[in-house]
Amino acid sequence: DAHHAAARRLLAAWSDWQRARVEREQMQQ
């Protein structure tokens, strides 16, 4: 369950960074 919780945290953090990255890319455009 700790492994599973870490996978969920990784997915959330990864998605947050992806959203921030596409916003930066879009603002650069």
mmCIF file of all heavy atoms, coordinates in Angstrom:
data_MODEL
# 
_entry.id   MODEL 
# 
loop_
_atom_site.group_PDB 
_atom_site.id 
_atom_site.type_symbol 
_atom_site.label_atom_id 
_atom_site.label_alt_id 
_atom_site.label_comp_id 
_atom_site.label_asym_id 
_atom_site.label_entity_id 
_atom_site.label_seq_id 
_atom_site.pdbx_PDB_ins_code 
_atom_site.Cartn_x 
_atom_site.Cartn_y 
_atom_site.Cartn_z 
_atom_site.occupancy 
_atom_site.B_iso_or_equiv 
_atom_site.pdbx_formal_charge 
_atom_site.auth_seq_id 
_atom_site.auth_comp_id 
_atom_site.auth_asym_id 
_atom_site.auth_atom_id 
_atom_site.pdbx_PDB_model_num 
ATOM 1   N N   . ASP A 1 1  ? 0.830  -1.202 0.000   1.00 0.00 ? 1  ASP A N   1 
ATOM 2   C CA  . ASP A 1 1  ? 0.000  0.000  0.000   1.00 0.00 ? 1  ASP A CA  1 
ATOM 3   C C   . ASP A 1 1  ? 0.867  1.255  0.000   1.00 0.00 ? 1  ASP A C   1 
ATOM 4   O O   . ASP A 1 1  ? 0.514  2.261  -0.629  1.00 0.00 ? 1  ASP A O   1 
ATOM 5   C CB  . ASP A 1 1  ? -0.921 -0.007 1.216   1.00 0.00 ? 1  ASP A CB  1 
ATOM 6   C CG  . ASP A 1 1  ? -1.981 1.090  1.144   1.00 0.00 ? 1  ASP A CG  1 
ATOM 7   O OD1 . ASP A 1 1  ? -2.759 1.099  0.161   1.00 0.00 ? 1  ASP A OD1 1 
ATOM 8   O OD2 . ASP A 1 1  ? -2.025 1.948  2.057   1.00 0.00 ? 1  ASP A OD2 1 
ATOM 9   N N   . ALA A 1 2  ? 1.999  1.226  0.705   1.00 0.00 ? 2  ALA A N   1 
ATOM 10  C CA  . ALA A 1 2  ? 2.924  2.366  0.662   1.00 0.00 ? 2  ALA A CA  1 
ATOM 11  C C   . ALA A 1 2  ? 3.474  2.553  -0.746  1.00 0.00 ? 2  ALA A C   1 
ATOM 12  O O   . ALA A 1 2  ? 3.644  3.687  -1.222  1.00 0.00 ? 2  ALA A O   1 
ATOM 13  C CB  . ALA A 1 2  ? 4.063  2.150  1.662   1.00 0.00 ? 2  ALA A CB  1 
ATOM 14  N N   . HIS A 1 3  ? 3.776  1.451  -1.416  1.00 0.00 ? 3  HIS A N   1 
ATOM 15  C CA  . HIS A 1 3  ? 4.227  1.522  -2.807  1.00 0.00 ? 3  HIS A CA  1 
ATOM 16  C C   . HIS A 1 3  ? 3.138  2.146  -3.684  1.00 0.00 ? 3  HIS A C   1 
ATOM 17  O O   . HIS A 1 3  ? 3.418  3.006  -4.532  1.00 0.00 ? 3  HIS A O   1 
ATOM 18  C CB  . HIS A 1 3  ? 4.569  0.118  -3.296  1.00 0.00 ? 3  HIS A CB  1 
ATOM 19  C CG  . HIS A 1 3  ? 5.080  0.065  -4.698  1.00 0.00 ? 3  HIS A CG  1 
ATOM 20  N ND1 . HIS A 1 3  ? 6.416  -0.032 -5.011  1.00 0.00 ? 3  HIS A ND1 1 
ATOM 21  C CD2 . HIS A 1 3  ? 4.432  0.099  -5.893  1.00 0.00 ? 3  HIS A CD2 1 
ATOM 22  C CE1 . HIS A 1 3  ? 6.574  -0.050 -6.320  1.00 0.00 ? 3  HIS A CE1 1 
ATOM 23  N NE2 . HIS A 1 3  ? 5.381  0.025  -6.878  1.00 0.00 ? 3  HIS A NE2 1 
ATOM 24  N N   . HIS A 1 4  ? 1.899  1.723  -3.468  1.00 0.00 ? 4  HIS A N   1 
ATOM 25  C CA  . HIS A 1 4  ? 0.781  2.244  -4.254  1.00 0.00 ? 4  HIS A CA  1 
ATOM 26  C C   . HIS A 1 4  ? 0.573  3.734  -3.978  1.00 0.00 ? 4  HIS A C   1 
ATOM 27  O O   . HIS A 1 4  ? 0.344  4.528  -4.902  1.00 0.00 ? 4  HIS A O   1 
ATOM 28  C CB  . HIS A 1 4  ? -0.484 1.450  -3.918  1.00 0.00 ? 4  HIS A CB  1 
ATOM 29  C CG  . HIS A 1 4  ? -1.715 1.978  -4.573  1.00 0.00 ? 4  HIS A CG  1 
ATOM 30  N ND1 . HIS A 1 4  ? -2.831 2.360  -3.862  1.00 0.00 ? 4  HIS A ND1 1 
ATOM 31  C CD2 . HIS A 1 4  ? -2.014 2.214  -5.870  1.00 0.00 ? 4  HIS A CD2 1 
ATOM 32  C CE1 . HIS A 1 4  ? -3.760 2.796  -4.691  1.00 0.00 ? 4  HIS A CE1 1 
ATOM 33  N NE2 . HIS A 1 4  ? -3.291 2.720  -5.911  1.00 0.00 ? 4  HIS A NE2 1 
ATOM 34  N N   . ALA A 1 5  ? 0.646  4.135  -2.703  1.00 0.00 ? 5  ALA A N   1 
ATOM 35  C CA  . ALA A 1 5  ? 0.491  5.546  -2.364  1.00 0.00 ? 5  ALA A CA  1 
ATOM 36  C C   . ALA A 1 5  ? 1.592  6.385  -2.998  1.00 0.00 ? 5  ALA A C   1 
ATOM 37  O O   . ALA A 1 5  ? 1.355  7.508  -3.466  1.00 0.00 ? 5  ALA A O   1 
ATOM 38  C CB  . ALA A 1 5  ? 0.479  5.718  -0.845  1.00 0.00 ? 5  ALA A CB  1 
ATOM 39  N N   . ALA A 1 6  ? 2.815  5.853  -3.032  1.00 0.00 ? 6  ALA A N   1 
ATOM 40  C CA  . ALA A 1 6  ? 3.912  6.572  -3.670  1.00 0.00 ? 6  ALA A CA  1 
ATOM 41  C C   . ALA A 1 6  ? 3.682  6.697  -5.173  1.00 0.00 ? 6  ALA A C   1 
ATOM 42  O O   . ALA A 1 6  ? 4.019  7.727  -5.778  1.00 0.00 ? 6  ALA A O   1 
ATOM 43  C CB  . ALA A 1 6  ? 5.234  5.863  -3.389  1.00 0.00 ? 6  ALA A CB  1 
ATOM 44  N N   . ALA A 1 7  ? 3.103  5.668  -5.788  1.00 0.00 ? 7  ALA A N   1 
ATOM 45  C CA  . ALA A 1 7  ? 2.796  5.747  -7.216  1.00 0.00 ? 7  ALA A CA  1 
ATOM 46  C C   . ALA A 1 7  ? 1.764  6.840  -7.484  1.00 0.00 ? 7  ALA A C   1 
ATOM 47  O O   . ALA A 1 7  ? 1.863  7.576  -8.471  1.00 0.00 ? 7  ALA A O   1 
ATOM 48  C CB  . ALA A 1 7  ? 2.294  4.391  -7.714  1.00 0.00 ? 7  ALA A CB  1 
ATOM 49  N N   . ARG A 1 8  ? 0.777  6.951  -6.616  1.00 0.00 ? 8  ARG A N   1 
ATOM 50  C CA  . ARG A 1 8  ? -0.224 7.999  -6.783  1.00 0.00 ? 8  ARG A CA  1 
ATOM 51  C C   . ARG A 1 8  ? 0.393  9.385  -6.589  1.00 0.00 ? 8  ARG A C   1 
ATOM 52  O O   . ARG A 1 8  ? 0.057  10.332 -7.320  1.00 0.00 ? 8  ARG A O   1 
ATOM 53  C CB  . ARG A 1 8  ? -1.373 7.770  -5.803  1.00 0.00 ? 8  ARG A CB  1 
ATOM 54  C CG  . ARG A 1 8  ? -2.208 6.543  -6.136  1.00 0.00 ? 8  ARG A CG  1 
ATOM 55  C CD  . ARG A 1 8  ? -3.142 6.136  -5.020  1.00 0.00 ? 8  ARG A CD  1 
ATOM 56  N NE  . ARG A 1 8  ? -4.130 7.163  -4.729  1.00 0.00 ? 8  ARG A NE  1 
ATOM 57  C CZ  . ARG A 1 8  ? -5.183 6.964  -3.927  1.00 0.00 ? 8  ARG A CZ  1 
ATOM 58  N NH1 . ARG A 1 8  ? -5.357 5.783  -3.360  1.00 0.00 ? 8  ARG A NH1 1 
ATOM 59  N NH2 . ARG A 1 8  ? -6.025 7.920  -3.705  1.00 0.00 ? 8  ARG A NH2 1 
ATOM 60  N N   . ARG A 1 9  ? 1.277  9.528  -5.603  1.00 0.00 ? 9  ARG A N   1 
ATOM 61  C CA  . ARG A 1 9  ? 1.942  10.819 -5.414  1.00 0.00 ? 9  ARG A CA  1 
ATOM 62  C C   . ARG A 1 9  ? 2.816  11.164 -6.618  1.00 0.00 ? 9  ARG A C   1 
ATOM 63  O O   . ARG A 1 9  ? 2.883  12.332 -7.036  1.00 0.00 ? 9  ARG A O   1 
ATOM 64  C CB  . ARG A 1 9  ? 2.800  10.788 -4.150  1.00 0.00 ? 9  ARG A CB  1 
ATOM 65  C CG  . ARG A 1 9  ? 2.006  10.873 -2.860  1.00 0.00 ? 9  ARG A CG  1 
ATOM 66  C CD  . ARG A 1 9  ? 2.921  11.186 -1.691  1.00 0.00 ? 9  ARG A CD  1 
ATOM 67  N NE  . ARG A 1 9  ? 3.969  10.189 -1.544  1.00 0.00 ? 9  ARG A NE  1 
ATOM 68  C CZ  . ARG A 1 9  ? 3.845  9.074  -0.841  1.00 0.00 ? 9  ARG A CZ  1 
ATOM 69  N NH1 . ARG A 1 9  ? 2.699  8.802  -0.230  1.00 0.00 ? 9  ARG A NH1 1 
ATOM 70  N NH2 . ARG A 1 9  ? 4.842  8.230  -0.738  1.00 0.00 ? 9  ARG A NH2 1 
ATOM 71  N N   . LEU A 1 10 ? 3.497  10.156 -7.155  1.00 0.00 ? 10 LEU A N   1 
ATOM 72  C CA  . LEU A 1 10 ? 4.337  10.405 -8.323  1.00 0.00 ? 10 LEU A CA  1 
ATOM 73  C C   . LEU A 1 10 ? 3.492  10.862 -9.500  1.00 0.00 ? 10 LEU A C   1 
ATOM 74  O O   . LEU A 1 10 ? 3.862  11.807 -10.210 1.00 0.00 ? 10 LEU A O   1 
ATOM 75  C CB  . LEU A 1 10 ? 5.118  9.137  -8.664  1.00 0.00 ? 10 LEU A CB  1 
ATOM 76  C CG  . LEU A 1 10 ? 6.189  9.249  -9.748  1.00 0.00 ? 10 LEU A CG  1 
ATOM 77  C CD1 . LEU A 1 10 ? 7.342  8.289  -9.452  1.00 0.00 ? 10 LEU A CD1 1 
ATOM 78  C CD2 . LEU A 1 10 ? 5.624  8.951  -11.138 1.00 0.00 ? 10 LEU A CD2 1 
ATOM 79  N N   . LEU A 1 11 ? 2.367  10.218 -9.717  1.00 0.00 ? 11 LEU A N   1 
ATOM 80  C CA  . LEU A 1 11 ? 1.495  10.610 -10.829 1.00 0.00 ? 11 LEU A CA  1 
ATOM 81  C C   . LEU A 1 11 ? 0.996  12.038 -10.647 1.00 0.00 ? 11 LEU A C   1 
ATOM 82  O O   . LEU A 1 11 ? 0.979  12.829 -11.599 1.00 0.00 ? 11 LEU A O   1 
ATOM 83  C CB  . LEU A 1 11 ? 0.315  9.639  -10.930 1.00 0.00 ? 11 LEU A CB  1 
ATOM 84  C CG  . LEU A 1 11 ? -0.760 9.995  -11.957 1.00 0.00 ? 11 LEU A CG  1 
ATOM 85  C CD1 . LEU A 1 11 ? -0.171 9.997  -13.369 1.00 0.00 ? 11 LEU A CD1 1 
ATOM 86  C CD2 . LEU A 1 11 ? -1.928 9.009  -11.869 1.00 0.00 ? 11 LEU A CD2 1 
ATOM 87  N N   . ALA A 1 12 ? 0.592  12.392 -9.426  1.00 0.00 ? 12 ALA A N   1 
ATOM 88  C CA  . ALA A 1 12 ? 0.093  13.744 -9.181  1.00 0.00 ? 12 ALA A CA  1 
ATOM 89  C C   . ALA A 1 12 ? 1.196  14.783 -9.391  1.00 0.00 ? 12 ALA A C   1 
ATOM 90  O O   . ALA A 1 12 ? 0.975  15.823 -10.027 1.00 0.00 ? 12 ALA A O   1 
ATOM 91  C CB  . ALA A 1 12 ? -0.471 13.839 -7.764  1.00 0.00 ? 12 ALA A CB  1 
ATOM 92  N N   . ALA A 1 13 ? 2.407  14.513 -8.858  1.00 0.00 ? 13 ALA A N   1 
ATOM 93  C CA  . ALA A 1 13 ? 3.498  15.472 -9.009  1.00 0.00 ? 13 ALA A CA  1 
ATOM 94  C C   . ALA A 1 13 ? 3.928  15.588 -10.472 1.00 0.00 ? 13 ALA A C   1 
ATOM 95  O O   . ALA A 1 13 ? 4.237  16.685 -10.956 1.00 0.00 ? 13 ALA A O   1 
ATOM 96  C CB  . ALA A 1 13 ? 4.682  15.051 -8.136  1.00 0.00 ? 13 ALA A CB  1 
ATOM 97  N N   . TRP A 1 14 ? 3.960  14.457 -11.159 1.00 0.00 ? 14 TRP A N   1 
ATOM 98  C CA  . TRP A 1 14 ? 4.319  14.464 -12.574 1.00 0.00 ? 14 TRP A CA  1 
ATOM 99  C C   . TRP A 1 14 ? 3.302  15.272 -13.380 1.00 0.00 ? 14 TRP A C   1 
ATOM 100 O O   . TRP A 1 14 ? 3.675  16.093 -14.240 1.00 0.00 ? 14 TRP A O   1 
ATOM 101 C CB  . TRP A 1 14 ? 4.397  13.041 -13.096 1.00 0.00 ? 14 TRP A CB  1 
ATOM 102 C CG  . TRP A 1 14 ? 4.734  12.902 -14.552 1.00 0.00 ? 14 TRP A CG  1 
ATOM 103 C CD1 . TRP A 1 14 ? 3.863  12.855 -15.599 1.00 0.00 ? 14 TRP A CD1 1 
ATOM 104 C CD2 . TRP A 1 14 ? 6.043  12.802 -15.123 1.00 0.00 ? 14 TRP A CD2 1 
ATOM 105 N NE1 . TRP A 1 14 ? 4.538  12.724 -16.783 1.00 0.00 ? 14 TRP A NE1 1 
ATOM 106 C CE2 . TRP A 1 14 ? 5.886  12.682 -16.530 1.00 0.00 ? 14 TRP A CE2 1 
ATOM 107 C CE3 . TRP A 1 14 ? 7.321  12.784 -14.590 1.00 0.00 ? 14 TRP A CE3 1 
ATOM 108 C CZ2 . TRP A 1 14 ? 6.948  12.564 -17.395 1.00 0.00 ? 14 TRP A CZ2 1 
ATOM 109 C CZ3 . TRP A 1 14 ? 8.403  12.660 -15.455 1.00 0.00 ? 14 TRP A CZ3 1 
ATOM 110 C CH2 . TRP A 1 14 ? 8.208  12.551 -16.841 1.00 0.00 ? 14 TRP A CH2 1 
ATOM 111 N N   . SER A 1 15 ? 2.031  15.092 -13.105 1.00 0.00 ? 15 SER A N   1 
ATOM 112 C CA  . SER A 1 15 ? 0.990  15.815 -13.837 1.00 0.00 ? 15 SER A CA  1 
ATOM 113 C C   . SER A 1 15 ? 1.035  17.305 -13.522 1.00 0.00 ? 15 SER A C   1 
ATOM 114 O O   . SER A 1 15 ? 0.834  18.140 -14.417 1.00 0.00 ? 15 SER A O   1 
ATOM 115 C CB  . SER A 1 15 ? -0.381 15.233 -13.499 1.00 0.00 ? 15 SER A CB  1 
ATOM 116 O OG  . SER A 1 15 ? -0.454 13.862 -13.841 1.00 0.00 ? 15 SER A OG  1 
ATOM 117 N N   . ASP A 1 16 ? 1.298  17.649 -12.265 1.00 0.00 ? 16 ASP A N   1 
ATOM 118 C CA  . ASP A 1 16 ? 1.426  19.074 -11.922 1.00 0.00 ? 16 ASP A CA  1 
ATOM 119 C C   . ASP A 1 16 ? 2.562  19.727 -12.709 1.00 0.00 ? 16 ASP A C   1 
ATOM 120 O O   . ASP A 1 16 ? 2.428  20.851 -13.217 1.00 0.00 ? 16 ASP A O   1 
ATOM 121 C CB  . ASP A 1 16 ? 1.676  19.230 -10.423 1.00 0.00 ? 16 ASP A CB  1 
ATOM 122 C CG  . ASP A 1 16 ? 0.445  18.900 -9.594  1.00 0.00 ? 16 ASP A CG  1 
ATOM 123 O OD1 . ASP A 1 16 ? -0.679 18.896 -10.165 1.00 0.00 ? 16 ASP A OD1 1 
ATOM 124 O OD2 . ASP A 1 16 ? 0.587  18.654 -8.388  1.00 0.00 ? 16 ASP A OD2 1 
ATOM 125 N N   . TRP A 1 17 ? 3.679  19.017 -12.804 1.00 0.00 ? 17 TRP A N   1 
ATOM 126 C CA  . TRP A 1 17 ? 4.802  19.578 -13.559 1.00 0.00 ? 17 TRP A CA  1 
ATOM 127 C C   . TRP A 1 17 ? 4.476  19.669 -15.041 1.00 0.00 ? 17 TRP A C   1 
ATOM 128 O O   . TRP A 1 17 ? 4.842  20.646 -15.701 1.00 0.00 ? 17 TRP A O   1 
ATOM 129 C CB  . TRP A 1 17 ? 6.051  18.727 -13.346 1.00 0.00 ? 17 TRP A CB  1 
ATOM 130 C CG  . TRP A 1 17 ? 7.219  19.258 -14.098 1.00 0.00 ? 17 TRP A CG  1 
ATOM 131 C CD1 . TRP A 1 17 ? 8.037  20.294 -13.741 1.00 0.00 ? 17 TRP A CD1 1 
ATOM 132 C CD2 . TRP A 1 17 ? 7.700  18.801 -15.372 1.00 0.00 ? 17 TRP A CD2 1 
ATOM 133 N NE1 . TRP A 1 17 ? 8.994  20.499 -14.702 1.00 0.00 ? 17 TRP A NE1 1 
ATOM 134 C CE2 . TRP A 1 17 ? 8.814  19.608 -15.707 1.00 0.00 ? 17 TRP A CE2 1 
ATOM 135 C CE3 . TRP A 1 17 ? 7.301  17.791 -16.241 1.00 0.00 ? 17 TRP A CE3 1 
ATOM 136 C CZ2 . TRP A 1 17 ? 9.526  19.423 -16.889 1.00 0.00 ? 17 TRP A CZ2 1 
ATOM 137 C CZ3 . TRP A 1 17 ? 8.007  17.604 -17.418 1.00 0.00 ? 17 TRP A CZ3 1 
ATOM 138 C CH2 . TRP A 1 17 ? 9.106  18.417 -17.731 1.00 0.00 ? 17 TRP A CH2 1 
ATOM 139 N N   . GLN A 1 18 ? 3.794  18.686 -15.574 1.00 0.00 ? 18 GLN A N   1 
ATOM 140 C CA  . GLN A 1 18 ? 3.425  18.730 -16.993 1.00 0.00 ? 18 GLN A CA  1 
ATOM 141 C C   . GLN A 1 18 ? 2.494  19.908 -17.272 1.00 0.00 ? 18 GLN A C   1 
ATOM 142 O O   . GLN A 1 18 ? 2.639  20.599 -18.289 1.00 0.00 ? 18 GLN A O   1 
ATOM 143 C CB  . GLN A 1 18 ? 2.744  17.414 -17.402 1.00 0.00 ? 18 GLN A CB  1 
ATOM 144 C CG  . GLN A 1 18 ? 3.681  16.223 -17.486 1.00 0.00 ? 18 GLN A CG  1 
ATOM 145 C CD  . GLN A 1 18 ? 4.478  16.196 -18.787 1.00 0.00 ? 18 GLN A CD  1 
ATOM 146 O OE1 . GLN A 1 18 ? 4.638  17.222 -19.446 1.00 0.00 ? 18 GLN A OE1 1 
ATOM 147 N NE2 . GLN A 1 18 ? 4.985  15.046 -19.155 1.00 0.00 ? 18 GLN A NE2 1 
ATOM 148 N N   . ARG A 1 19 ? 1.530  20.136 -16.365 1.00 0.00 ? 19 ARG A N   1 
ATOM 149 C CA  . ARG A 1 19 ? 0.641  21.272 -16.571 1.00 0.00 ? 19 ARG A CA  1 
ATOM 150 C C   . ARG A 1 19 ? 1.417  22.589 -16.525 1.00 0.00 ? 19 ARG A C   1 
ATOM 151 O O   . ARG A 1 19 ? 1.159  23.509 -17.317 1.00 0.00 ? 19 ARG A O   1 
ATOM 152 C CB  . ARG A 1 19 ? -0.468 21.261 -15.517 1.00 0.00 ? 19 ARG A CB  1 
ATOM 153 C CG  . ARG A 1 19 ? -1.619 20.322 -15.854 1.00 0.00 ? 19 ARG A CG  1 
ATOM 154 C CD  . ARG A 1 19 ? -2.741 20.443 -14.862 1.00 0.00 ? 19 ARG A CD  1 
ATOM 155 N NE  . ARG A 1 19 ? -2.403 19.791 -13.600 1.00 0.00 ? 19 ARG A NE  1 
ATOM 156 C CZ  . ARG A 1 19 ? -2.739 18.530 -13.311 1.00 0.00 ? 19 ARG A CZ  1 
ATOM 157 N NH1 . ARG A 1 19 ? -3.403 17.803 -14.191 1.00 0.00 ? 19 ARG A NH1 1 
ATOM 158 N NH2 . ARG A 1 19 ? -2.409 18.002 -12.148 1.00 0.00 ? 19 ARG A NH2 1 
ATOM 159 N N   . ALA A 1 20 ? 2.344  22.700 -15.574 1.00 0.00 ? 20 ALA A N   1 
ATOM 160 C CA  . ALA A 1 20 ? 3.154  23.915 -15.490 1.00 0.00 ? 20 ALA A CA  1 
ATOM 161 C C   . ALA A 1 20 ? 4.030  24.077 -16.724 1.00 0.00 ? 20 ALA A C   1 
ATOM 162 O O   . ALA A 1 20 ? 4.238  25.200 -17.219 1.00 0.00 ? 20 ALA A O   1 
ATOM 163 C CB  . ALA A 1 20 ? 4.012  23.877 -14.222 1.00 0.00 ? 20 ALA A CB  1 
ATOM 164 N N   . ARG A 1 21 ? 4.531  22.969 -17.240 1.00 0.00 ? 21 ARG A N   1 
ATOM 165 C CA  . ARG A 1 21 ? 5.402  23.061 -18.408 1.00 0.00 ? 21 ARG A CA  1 
ATOM 166 C C   . ARG A 1 21 ? 4.622  23.499 -19.647 1.00 0.00 ? 21 ARG A C   1 
ATOM 167 O O   . ARG A 1 21 ? 5.089  24.382 -20.394 1.00 0.00 ? 21 ARG A O   1 
ATOM 168 C CB  . ARG A 1 21 ? 6.081  21.717 -18.683 1.00 0.00 ? 21 ARG A CB  1 
ATOM 169 C CG  . ARG A 1 21 ? 7.017  21.780 -19.872 1.00 0.00 ? 21 ARG A CG  1 
ATOM 170 C CD  . ARG A 1 21 ? 7.799  20.504 -20.077 1.00 0.00 ? 21 ARG A CD  1 
ATOM 171 N NE  . ARG A 1 21 ? 6.987  19.417 -20.589 1.00 0.00 ? 21 ARG A NE  1 
ATOM 172 C CZ  . ARG A 1 21 ? 7.495  18.335 -21.182 1.00 0.00 ? 21 ARG A CZ  1 
ATOM 173 N NH1 . ARG A 1 21 ? 8.801  18.199 -21.307 1.00 0.00 ? 21 ARG A NH1 1 
ATOM 174 N NH2 . ARG A 1 21 ? 6.706  17.377 -21.598 1.00 0.00 ? 21 ARG A NH2 1 
ATOM 175 N N   . VAL A 1 22 ? 3.461  22.917 -19.892 1.00 0.00 ? 22 VAL A N   1 
ATOM 176 C CA  . VAL A 1 22 ? 2.710  23.303 -21.089 1.00 0.00 ? 22 VAL A CA  1 
ATOM 177 C C   . VAL A 1 22 ? 2.234  24.750 -20.982 1.00 0.00 ? 22 VAL A C   1 
ATOM 178 O O   . VAL A 1 22 ? 2.143  25.456 -21.999 1.00 0.00 ? 22 VAL A O   1 
ATOM 179 C CB  . VAL A 1 22 ? 1.523  22.347 -21.331 1.00 0.00 ? 22 VAL A CB  1 
ATOM 180 C CG1 . VAL A 1 22 ? 2.006  20.936 -21.560 1.00 0.00 ? 22 VAL A CG1 1 
ATOM 181 C CG2 . VAL A 1 22 ? 0.515  22.398 -20.211 1.00 0.00 ? 22 VAL A CG2 1 
ATOM 182 N N   . GLU A 1 23 ? 1.966  25.214 -19.755 1.00 0.00 ? 23 GLU A N   1 
ATOM 183 C CA  . GLU A 1 23 ? 1.593  26.619 -19.611 1.00 0.00 ? 23 GLU A CA  1 
ATOM 184 C C   . GLU A 1 23 ? 2.770  27.525 -19.958 1.00 0.00 ? 23 GLU A C   1 
ATOM 185 O O   . GLU A 1 23 ? 2.620  28.543 -20.655 1.00 0.00 ? 23 GLU A O   1 
ATOM 186 C CB  . GLU A 1 23 ? 1.120  26.908 -18.190 1.00 0.00 ? 23 GLU A CB  1 
ATOM 187 C CG  . GLU A 1 23 ? 0.666  28.347 -17.995 1.00 0.00 ? 23 GLU A CG  1 
ATOM 188 C CD  . GLU A 1 23 ? 0.117  28.613 -16.620 1.00 0.00 ? 23 GLU A CD  1 
ATOM 189 O OE1 . GLU A 1 23 ? 0.163  27.686 -15.772 1.00 0.00 ? 23 GLU A OE1 1 
ATOM 190 O OE2 . GLU A 1 23 ? -0.353 29.745 -16.376 1.00 0.00 ? 23 GLU A OE2 1 
ATOM 191 N N   . ARG A 1 24 ? 3.965  27.149 -19.495 1.00 0.00 ? 24 ARG A N   1 
ATOM 192 C CA  . ARG A 1 24 ? 5.140  27.947 -19.840 1.00 0.00 ? 24 ARG A CA  1 
ATOM 193 C C   . ARG A 1 24 ? 5.400  27.926 -21.339 1.00 0.00 ? 24 ARG A C   1 
ATOM 194 O O   . ARG A 1 24 ? 5.700  28.966 -21.953 1.00 0.00 ? 24 ARG A O   1 
ATOM 195 C CB  . ARG A 1 24 ? 6.350  27.411 -19.070 1.00 0.00 ? 24 ARG A CB  1 
ATOM 196 C CG  . ARG A 1 24 ? 7.569  28.341 -19.095 1.00 0.00 ? 24 ARG A CG  1 
ATOM 197 C CD  . ARG A 1 24 ? 8.516  27.983 -20.222 1.00 0.00 ? 24 ARG A CD  1 
ATOM 198 N NE  . ARG A 1 24 ? 8.909  26.584 -20.154 1.00 0.00 ? 24 ARG A NE  1 
ATOM 199 C CZ  . ARG A 1 24 ? 9.450  25.918 -21.169 1.00 0.00 ? 24 ARG A CZ  1 
ATOM 200 N NH1 . ARG A 1 24 ? 9.642  26.525 -22.344 1.00 0.00 ? 24 ARG A NH1 1 
ATOM 201 N NH2 . ARG A 1 24 ? 9.771  24.648 -21.042 1.00 0.00 ? 24 ARG A NH2 1 
ATOM 202 N N   . GLU A 1 25 ? 5.266  26.766 -21.969 1.00 0.00 ? 25 GLU A N   1 
ATOM 203 C CA  . GLU A 1 25 ? 5.462  26.671 -23.402 1.00 0.00 ? 25 GLU A CA  1 
ATOM 204 C C   . GLU A 1 25 ? 4.438  27.519 -24.153 1.00 0.00 ? 25 GLU A C   1 
ATOM 205 O O   . GLU A 1 25 ? 4.770  28.202 -25.131 1.00 0.00 ? 25 GLU A O   1 
ATOM 206 C CB  . GLU A 1 25 ? 5.372  25.213 -23.849 1.00 0.00 ? 25 GLU A CB  1 
ATOM 207 C CG  . GLU A 1 25 ? 6.510  24.334 -23.340 1.00 0.00 ? 25 GLU A CG  1 
ATOM 208 C CD  . GLU A 1 25 ? 6.287  22.877 -23.668 1.00 0.00 ? 25 GLU A CD  1 
ATOM 209 O OE1 . GLU A 1 25 ? 5.272  22.564 -24.324 1.00 0.00 ? 25 GLU A OE1 1 
ATOM 210 O OE2 . GLU A 1 25 ? 7.122  22.039 -23.290 1.00 0.00 ? 25 GLU A OE2 1 
ATOM 211 N N   . GLN A 1 26 ? 3.180  27.464 -23.682 1.00 0.00 ? 26 GLN A N   1 
ATOM 212 C CA  . GLN A 1 26 ? 2.136  28.233 -24.355 1.00 0.00 ? 26 GLN A CA  1 
ATOM 213 C C   . GLN A 1 26 ? 2.367  29.729 -24.196 1.00 0.00 ? 26 GLN A C   1 
ATOM 214 O O   . GLN A 1 26 ? 2.174  30.512 -25.142 1.00 0.00 ? 26 GLN A O   1 
ATOM 215 C CB  . GLN A 1 26 ? 0.771  27.843 -23.795 1.00 0.00 ? 26 GLN A CB  1 
ATOM 216 C CG  . GLN A 1 26 ? -0.385 28.133 -24.734 1.00 0.00 ? 26 GLN A CG  1 
ATOM 217 C CD  . GLN A 1 26 ? -0.311 27.293 -25.999 1.00 0.00 ? 26 GLN A CD  1 
ATOM 218 O OE1 . GLN A 1 26 ? 0.013  26.110 -25.948 1.00 0.00 ? 26 GLN A OE1 1 
ATOM 219 N NE2 . GLN A 1 26 ? -0.600 27.910 -27.138 1.00 0.00 ? 26 GLN A NE2 1 
ATOM 220 N N   . MET A 1 27 ? 2.800  30.136 -23.013 1.00 0.00 ? 27 MET A N   1 
ATOM 221 C CA  . MET A 1 27 ? 3.090  31.559 -22.811 1.00 0.00 ? 27 MET A CA  1 
ATOM 222 C C   . MET A 1 27 ? 4.287  31.996 -23.651 1.00 0.00 ? 27 MET A C   1 
ATOM 223 O O   . MET A 1 27 ? 4.329  33.127 -24.131 1.00 0.00 ? 27 MET A O   1 
ATOM 224 C CB  . MET A 1 27 ? 3.348  31.815 -21.337 1.00 0.00 ? 27 MET A CB  1 
ATOM 225 C CG  . MET A 1 27 ? 2.125  31.658 -20.433 1.00 0.00 ? 27 MET A CG  1 
ATOM 226 S SD  . MET A 1 27 ? 0.732  32.721 -20.904 1.00 0.00 ? 27 MET A SD  1 
ATOM 227 C CE  . MET A 1 27 ? -0.350 31.519 -21.737 1.00 0.00 ? 27 MET A CE  1 
ATOM 228 N N   . GLN A 1 28 ? 5.257  31.105 -23.832 1.00 0.00 ? 28 GLN A N   1 
ATOM 229 C CA  . GLN A 1 28 ? 6.389  31.434 -24.692 1.00 0.00 ? 28 GLN A CA  1 
ATOM 230 C C   . GLN A 1 28 ? 5.930  31.621 -26.136 1.00 0.00 ? 28 GLN A C   1 
ATOM 231 O O   . GLN A 1 28 ? 6.375  32.549 -26.828 1.00 0.00 ? 28 GLN A O   1 
ATOM 232 C CB  . GLN A 1 28 ? 7.437  30.322 -24.616 1.00 0.00 ? 28 GLN A CB  1 
ATOM 233 C CG  . GLN A 1 28 ? 8.705  30.605 -25.419 1.00 0.00 ? 28 GLN A CG  1 
ATOM 234 C CD  . GLN A 1 28 ? 9.455  31.814 -24.895 1.00 0.00 ? 28 GLN A CD  1 
ATOM 235 O OE1 . GLN A 1 28 ? 9.895  31.838 -23.744 1.00 0.00 ? 28 GLN A OE1 1 
ATOM 236 N NE2 . GLN A 1 28 ? 9.613  32.840 -25.735 1.00 0.00 ? 28 GLN A NE2 1 
ATOM 237 N N   . GLN A 1 29 ? 5.035  30.767 -26.593 1.00 0.00 ? 29 GLN A N   1 
ATOM 238 C CA  . GLN A 1 29 ? 4.490  30.936 -27.936 1.00 0.00 ? 29 GLN A CA  1 
ATOM 239 C C   . GLN A 1 29 ? 3.727  32.246 -28.057 1.00 0.00 ? 29 GLN A C   1 
ATOM 240 O O   . GLN A 1 29 ? 3.809  32.942 -29.081 1.00 0.00 ? 29 GLN A O   1 
ATOM 241 C CB  . GLN A 1 29 ? 3.571  29.759 -28.273 1.00 0.00 ? 29 GLN A CB  1 
ATOM 242 C CG  . GLN A 1 29 ? 4.286  28.437 -28.460 1.00 0.00 ? 29 GLN A CG  1 
ATOM 243 C CD  . GLN A 1 29 ? 3.342  27.321 -28.856 1.00 0.00 ? 29 GLN A CD  1 
ATOM 244 O OE1 . GLN A 1 29 ? 2.225  27.575 -29.286 1.00 0.00 ? 29 GLN A OE1 1 
ATOM 245 N NE2 . GLN A 1 29 ? 3.794  26.084 -28.713 1.00 0.00 ? 29 GLN A NE2 1 
# 
